[in-house]
Amino acid sequence: MKKPLPPLSILLCAPRGFCAGVVRAIDAVEKALAIHGAPVYVRHEIVHNKYVVESLRNKGAVFVKELHEIPDGDAPVIFSAHGVPKSVPEEAMRRRMFAIDATCPLVTKVHREAAIHAKRGRHVLLVGHSGHPEVVGTMGQLPEGTITLVETLDDVARLDPPDPDNLAFVTQTTLSVDDTAQIVAALQARFPKMIAPHKEDICYATTNRQEAVKKVAPMVDALIVVGSPNSSNSQRLREVAERAGCPLATLVNRGEDIDWTRYGAISTLGITAGASAPEVLVEEIIDAFAQHYAVTVETVTTTEEDVFFPLPRELRDAAAE
């Protein structure tokens, strides 16, 4: 007689997975392929998820690191959701490329804020992670020497700006809400005249997904974040789960990547997904656990989302013709 499977209660965090900016970016590539046919070139990964990138590649998208890898011609080139330095659209214009900017509108908002501060003569402090494409894009909006990256509290202590009374700050959109609050508080203590954003730069989706994890993490034996290792918002979700009291928080790309040796005696499991992870991968992870446990699934919702961003104008215009 087959041994009964041990029971496992899965708590699904909501909101989770795709945000409006990611949906818009993926839709932009698919719409460009539908209108113009393959190839459609994409500078950098359109979003940080291997499954999404591979599925778009199979449909005819060609991913490149830089524009010089793209041959001359009239095939569309799409800039990723993370945003790009000013030099990239300038080069595209010089080469007369058909460029489509799929930068998330919430990242574009940060770019505009930074540019306005610089225009008004303020030195800009960017709270973010070095090397992340979004940070590279935001730093690249301003002339060298007018923007400084702040990653840690130690960076705050070491800052020596040209005019401490004439500063403004912006942040990467996918940071840990709590970590960022600490760094901003330290900046404001050191530079009380520093100008803050009118509306917080950390995006609604990052904040909402972190809040859901904070609620579920203390209730479970383990929590899985479905997402890619290079996804900033997914990594932050894992950290948030650990801090909220979850004994085992892991980042898992897909079902085949689960390390079963770590989950032996659990009776409750939380699952969430980073903003660039599709729901099909969440279902794949649940199915994988259902092979080892008698699974029940319950959704824990902290807020409802109804944000929508229209496609880039070039694709709206083409679709209307």
Protein backbone atom coordinates (compact mmCIF):
# COMPACT_ATOMS: atom_id res chain seq x y z
CA MET A 1 0.00 0.00 0.00
CA LYS A 2 1.29 3.44 -0.96
CA LYS A 3 2.44 5.53 2.01
CA PRO A 4 0.23 8.64 2.43
CA LEU A 5 1.93 11.94 1.63
CA PRO A 6 2.58 14.31 4.55
CA PRO A 7 0.20 17.32 4.66
CA LEU A 8 1.48 20.71 3.52
CA SER A 9 -0.42 23.99 3.77
CA ILE A 10 0.72 26.48 1.10
CA LEU A 11 0.05 30.17 1.70
CA LEU A 12 0.20 32.13 -1.57
CA CYS A 13 1.18 35.79 -1.14
CA ALA A 14 -0.96 38.32 -3.02
CA PRO A 15 -0.01 40.53 -4.73
CA ARG A 16 2.84 38.56 -6.35
CA GLY A 17 4.42 38.21 -9.77
CA PHE A 18 4.11 40.49 -12.78
CA CYS A 19 3.74 44.23 -12.19
CA ALA A 20 2.31 46.70 -14.72
CA GLY A 21 5.77 47.78 -15.96
CA VAL A 22 6.81 44.18 -16.66
CA VAL A 23 3.52 43.39 -18.44
CA ARG A 24 4.02 46.50 -20.62
CA ALA A 25 7.63 45.56 -21.48
CA ILE A 26 6.80 41.96 -22.43
CA ASP A 27 3.74 43.11 -24.39
CA ALA A 28 5.96 45.62 -26.23
CA VAL A 29 8.26 42.85 -27.50
CA GLU A 30 5.33 40.60 -28.48
CA LYS A 31 3.46 43.44 -30.21
CA ALA A 32 6.61 44.50 -32.10
CA LEU A 33 7.07 40.89 -33.28
CA ALA A 34 3.40 40.72 -34.36
CA ILE A 35 3.59 44.02 -36.30
CA HIS A 36 7.12 43.90 -37.74
CA GLY A 37 8.03 40.20 -37.64
CA ALA A 38 11.33 38.72 -36.47
CA PRO A 39 13.91 39.76 -35.63
CA VAL A 40 13.12 42.31 -32.96
CA TYR A 41 16.26 43.34 -31.08
CA VAL A 42 16.16 43.93 -27.32
CA ARG A 43 18.98 45.71 -25.50
CA HIS A 44 19.62 43.70 -22.31
CA GLU A 45 17.09 41.29 -20.81
CA ILE A 46 13.65 42.89 -21.25
CA VAL A 47 12.95 41.86 -17.62
CA HIS A 48 15.07 39.81 -15.22
CA ASN A 49 13.56 36.38 -15.75
CA LYS A 50 15.19 33.55 -17.69
CA TYR A 51 11.88 31.84 -18.57
CA VAL A 52 10.41 35.07 -20.01
CA VAL A 53 13.59 35.88 -21.96
CA GLU A 54 13.80 32.34 -23.43
CA SER A 55 10.12 32.32 -24.45
CA LEU A 56 10.55 35.68 -26.24
CA ARG A 57 13.77 34.45 -27.87
CA ASN A 58 11.85 31.45 -29.21
CA LYS A 59 9.34 33.87 -30.80
CA GLY A 60 12.07 35.82 -32.62
CA ALA A 61 13.46 38.35 -30.12
CA VAL A 62 17.24 38.79 -30.24
CA PHE A 63 18.83 39.96 -26.99
CA VAL A 64 22.02 42.02 -27.16
CA LYS A 65 24.19 43.71 -24.57
CA GLU A 66 24.91 46.85 -26.60
CA LEU A 67 23.61 48.52 -29.75
CA HIS A 68 26.84 47.93 -31.73
CA GLU A 69 25.87 44.21 -31.87
CA ILE A 70 22.80 45.10 -33.98
CA PRO A 71 23.30 45.19 -37.78
CA ASP A 72 22.12 48.21 -39.75
CA GLY A 73 18.54 47.90 -40.97
CA ASP A 74 15.00 48.79 -40.01
CA ALA A 75 14.31 46.03 -37.45
CA PRO A 76 12.96 47.49 -34.19
CA VAL A 77 15.23 47.75 -31.14
CA ILE A 78 13.58 47.80 -27.72
CA PHE A 79 15.10 49.22 -24.53
CA SER A 80 14.39 47.12 -21.44
CA ALA A 81 12.02 47.95 -18.56
CA HIS A 82 14.99 48.94 -16.36
CA GLY A 83 15.78 52.07 -18.37
CA VAL A 84 18.94 53.11 -20.20
CA PRO A 85 21.55 55.89 -19.96
CA LYS A 86 20.93 58.92 -22.21
CA SER A 87 23.81 57.83 -24.45
CA VAL A 88 21.83 54.79 -25.67
CA PRO A 89 18.87 56.56 -27.37
CA GLU A 90 21.38 59.14 -28.65
CA GLU A 91 23.39 56.38 -30.35
CA ALA A 92 20.17 54.82 -31.71
CA MET A 93 19.18 58.18 -33.18
CA ARG A 94 22.63 58.64 -34.72
CA ARG A 95 22.31 55.22 -36.40
CA ARG A 96 18.70 55.96 -37.44
CA MET A 97 17.43 52.90 -35.62
CA PHE A 98 13.74 52.28 -35.05
CA ALA A 99 13.97 52.48 -31.24
CA ILE A 100 11.10 51.63 -28.88
CA ASP A 101 11.55 52.58 -25.23
CA ALA A 102 9.94 50.01 -22.90
CA THR A 103 11.34 51.67 -19.75
CA CYS A 104 8.86 51.31 -16.89
CA PRO A 105 7.03 54.65 -16.47
CA LEU A 106 7.91 54.59 -12.75
CA VAL A 107 11.62 54.40 -13.64
CA THR A 108 11.13 57.23 -16.16
CA LYS A 109 9.63 59.27 -13.30
CA VAL A 110 12.91 58.84 -11.35
CA HIS A 111 14.93 59.86 -14.43
CA ARG A 112 12.86 63.04 -14.79
CA GLU A 113 13.17 63.91 -11.10
CA ALA A 114 16.96 63.51 -11.22
CA ALA A 115 17.20 65.65 -14.39
CA ILE A 116 15.06 68.44 -12.86
CA HIS A 117 17.21 68.52 -9.69
CA ALA A 118 20.41 68.69 -11.75
CA LYS A 119 18.93 71.49 -13.90
CA ARG A 120 18.23 73.43 -10.71
CA GLY A 121 21.86 73.06 -9.66
CA ARG A 122 21.36 70.40 -6.98
CA HIS A 123 23.75 67.49 -6.55
CA VAL A 124 21.72 64.26 -6.78
CA LEU A 125 22.17 61.29 -4.43
CA LEU A 126 20.88 57.99 -5.84
CA VAL A 127 20.08 55.28 -3.29
CA GLY A 128 20.53 51.97 -5.10
CA HIS A 129 22.69 48.94 -5.93
CA SER A 130 25.85 49.41 -7.98
CA GLY A 131 25.79 47.73 -11.40
CA HIS A 132 22.04 47.14 -11.52
CA PRO A 133 20.75 48.16 -14.99
CA GLU A 134 18.23 50.58 -13.44
CA VAL A 135 21.01 52.33 -11.50
CA VAL A 136 23.25 52.44 -14.59
CA GLY A 137 20.34 54.01 -16.51
CA THR A 138 19.56 56.61 -13.84
CA MET A 139 23.22 57.58 -13.32
CA GLY A 140 23.49 57.92 -17.10
CA GLN A 141 20.78 60.62 -17.21
CA LEU A 142 23.13 63.21 -15.69
CA PRO A 143 26.59 64.56 -16.44
CA GLU A 144 29.42 62.85 -14.56
CA GLY A 145 30.10 64.41 -11.16
CA THR A 146 26.50 65.61 -10.63
CA ILE A 147 25.10 62.32 -9.21
CA THR A 148 26.49 60.06 -6.47
CA LEU A 149 25.44 56.48 -5.70
CA VAL A 150 24.64 55.67 -2.06
CA GLU A 151 24.42 51.94 -1.28
CA THR A 152 24.92 51.65 2.49
CA LEU A 153 24.83 53.55 5.78
CA ASP A 154 28.66 53.64 5.60
CA ASP A 155 28.35 55.47 2.27
CA VAL A 156 26.14 58.06 3.98
CA ALA A 157 28.79 58.64 6.66
CA ARG A 158 31.53 59.03 4.01
CA LEU A 159 29.64 61.47 1.77
CA ASP A 160 31.42 64.74 1.07
CA PRO A 161 29.14 66.60 -1.38
CA PRO A 162 30.26 69.87 -3.02
CA ASP A 163 27.44 71.84 -1.31
CA PRO A 164 25.75 70.00 1.62
CA ASP A 165 22.87 72.54 1.57
CA ASN A 166 22.03 71.93 -2.10
CA LEU A 167 21.20 68.22 -2.38
CA ALA A 168 18.30 66.05 -3.56
CA PHE A 169 17.84 62.29 -3.52
CA VAL A 170 16.11 59.68 -5.68
CA THR A 171 16.02 55.90 -5.27
CA GLN A 172 16.05 52.73 -7.33
CA THR A 173 12.45 51.50 -7.64
CA THR A 174 13.06 47.88 -6.52
CA LEU A 175 14.78 48.32 -3.15
CA SER A 176 13.86 46.98 0.28
CA VAL A 177 11.41 49.50 1.74
CA ASP A 178 12.87 49.12 5.27
CA ASP A 179 16.55 49.30 4.20
CA THR A 180 15.86 52.38 2.10
CA ALA A 181 14.00 54.08 4.96
CA GLN A 182 17.10 53.59 7.16
CA ILE A 183 19.45 55.05 4.55
CA VAL A 184 17.13 57.98 3.80
CA ALA A 185 16.77 58.73 7.54
CA ALA A 186 20.57 58.79 7.86
CA LEU A 187 20.85 61.09 4.82
CA GLN A 188 18.19 63.45 6.23
CA ALA A 189 19.95 63.53 9.62
CA ARG A 190 23.23 64.52 7.94
CA PHE A 191 21.72 66.85 5.32
CA PRO A 192 18.48 68.32 6.71
CA LYS A 193 18.02 70.63 3.68
CA MET A 194 18.13 67.74 1.20
CA ILE A 195 15.10 67.65 -1.16
CA ALA A 196 13.05 64.44 -1.16
CA PRO A 197 10.90 63.05 -4.03
CA HIS A 198 7.30 64.36 -4.11
CA LYS A 199 6.13 60.74 -4.10
CA GLU A 200 8.25 57.81 -2.96
CA ASP A 201 10.39 56.33 -5.76
CA ILE A 202 10.13 52.69 -4.62
CA CYS A 203 7.36 51.44 -6.86
CA TYR A 204 3.91 50.32 -5.75
CA ALA A 205 4.60 46.71 -6.84
CA THR A 206 7.83 46.38 -4.84
CA THR A 207 6.12 47.81 -1.74
CA ASN A 208 3.00 45.65 -2.10
CA ARG A 209 4.93 42.41 -2.62
CA GLN A 210 7.13 43.11 0.39
CA GLU A 211 4.08 43.84 2.58
CA ALA A 212 2.47 40.52 1.58
CA VAL A 213 5.69 38.65 2.43
CA LYS A 214 5.92 40.39 5.81
CA LYS A 215 2.44 39.11 6.62
CA VAL A 216 3.02 35.50 5.50
CA ALA A 217 6.66 34.97 6.57
CA PRO A 218 5.99 34.60 10.36
CA MET A 219 3.18 32.09 9.64
CA VAL A 220 5.24 29.49 7.70
CA ASP A 221 8.14 27.04 8.16
CA ALA A 222 9.66 28.06 4.82
CA LEU A 223 9.04 30.58 2.05
CA ILE A 224 9.94 30.37 -1.63
CA VAL A 225 10.39 33.45 -3.79
CA VAL A 226 9.91 32.49 -7.44
CA GLY A 227 12.38 34.60 -9.37
CA SER A 228 15.79 34.88 -11.03
CA PRO A 229 18.99 35.52 -9.02
CA ASN A 230 19.66 38.74 -11.02
CA SER A 231 16.21 40.16 -10.14
CA SER A 232 16.68 42.89 -7.52
CA ASN A 233 13.07 42.90 -6.34
CA SER A 234 13.09 39.08 -5.97
CA GLN A 235 16.28 39.13 -3.89
CA ARG A 236 14.74 41.82 -1.66
CA LEU A 237 11.64 39.64 -1.12
CA ARG A 238 13.87 36.81 0.15
CA GLU A 239 15.64 39.19 2.56
CA VAL A 240 12.30 40.62 3.76
CA ALA A 241 11.03 37.08 4.50
CA GLU A 242 14.13 36.28 6.56
CA ARG A 243 13.84 39.49 8.55
CA ALA A 244 10.13 38.92 9.15
CA GLY A 245 10.93 35.67 10.95
CA CYS A 246 10.82 32.94 8.29
CA PRO A 247 13.38 30.23 9.23
CA LEU A 248 14.06 29.23 5.59
CA ALA A 249 13.64 31.73 2.73
CA THR A 250 14.97 30.75 -0.70
CA LEU A 251 14.96 32.13 -4.22
CA VAL A 252 13.95 29.47 -6.76
CA ASN A 253 13.88 29.94 -10.53
CA ARG A 254 11.62 26.99 -11.33
CA GLY A 255 10.35 23.61 -10.10
CA GLU A 256 13.42 21.68 -11.23
CA ASP A 257 15.66 23.92 -9.05
CA ILE A 258 14.05 22.99 -5.71
CA ASP A 259 16.52 21.45 -3.24
CA TRP A 260 14.27 18.85 -1.58
CA THR A 261 16.78 18.15 1.20
CA ARG A 262 15.85 21.51 2.74
CA TYR A 263 12.08 20.94 2.99
CA GLY A 264 11.74 17.54 4.71
CA ALA A 265 9.74 18.26 7.87
CA ILE A 266 7.83 21.42 6.90
CA SER A 267 4.05 21.62 7.35
CA THR A 268 3.53 25.20 6.07
CA LEU A 269 5.08 26.90 3.03
CA GLY A 270 4.76 30.48 1.79
CA ILE A 271 5.13 31.22 -1.93
CA THR A 272 5.53 34.58 -3.63
CA ALA A 273 6.97 35.70 -6.96
CA GLY A 274 9.14 38.63 -7.99
CA ALA A 275 7.67 41.28 -10.28
CA SER A 276 9.26 39.70 -13.38
CA ALA A 277 8.26 36.07 -12.62
CA PRO A 278 5.24 34.67 -14.54
CA GLU A 279 2.41 32.89 -12.72
CA VAL A 280 3.09 29.70 -14.71
CA LEU A 281 6.29 29.25 -12.66
CA VAL A 282 4.35 29.65 -9.39
CA GLU A 283 2.02 26.88 -10.57
CA GLU A 284 5.03 24.75 -11.53
CA ILE A 285 6.44 25.05 -7.98
CA ILE A 286 3.05 24.16 -6.41
CA ASP A 287 2.80 21.12 -8.73
CA ALA A 288 6.32 20.04 -7.72
CA PHE A 289 5.40 20.16 -4.01
CA ALA A 290 2.18 18.27 -4.76
CA GLN A 291 4.36 15.32 -5.85
CA HIS A 292 5.89 15.14 -2.34
CA TYR A 293 3.10 16.41 -0.06
CA ALA A 294 -0.69 16.39 0.25
CA VAL A 295 -1.07 20.06 -0.61
CA THR A 296 -3.76 22.59 0.32
CA VAL A 297 -3.48 26.12 -1.07
CA GLU A 298 -4.77 29.34 0.45
CA THR A 299 -4.20 32.90 -0.80
CA VAL A 300 -3.26 35.64 1.68
CA THR A 301 -4.09 39.05 0.16
CA THR A 302 -2.82 42.33 1.60
CA THR A 303 -3.99 44.66 -1.19
CA GLU A 304 -5.57 44.65 -4.67
CA GLU A 305 -3.68 46.06 -7.66
CA ASP A 306 -5.27 47.65 -10.73
CA VAL A 307 -2.34 49.60 -12.23
CA PHE A 308 -2.09 49.57 -16.04
CA PHE A 309 0.48 51.21 -18.34
CA PRO A 310 -0.28 51.63 -22.08
CA LEU A 311 2.19 50.34 -24.67
CA PRO A 312 4.98 52.65 -25.94
CA ARG A 313 3.53 55.18 -28.41
CA GLU A 314 5.28 53.70 -31.50
CA LEU A 315 3.43 50.40 -30.96
CA ARG A 316 0.07 52.02 -30.15
CA ASP A 317 0.30 54.07 -33.36
CA ALA A 318 1.27 51.03 -35.48
CA ALA A 319 -1.50 48.89 -33.97
CA ALA A 320 -4.07 51.60 -34.74
CA GLU A 321 -3.11 51.82 -38.43
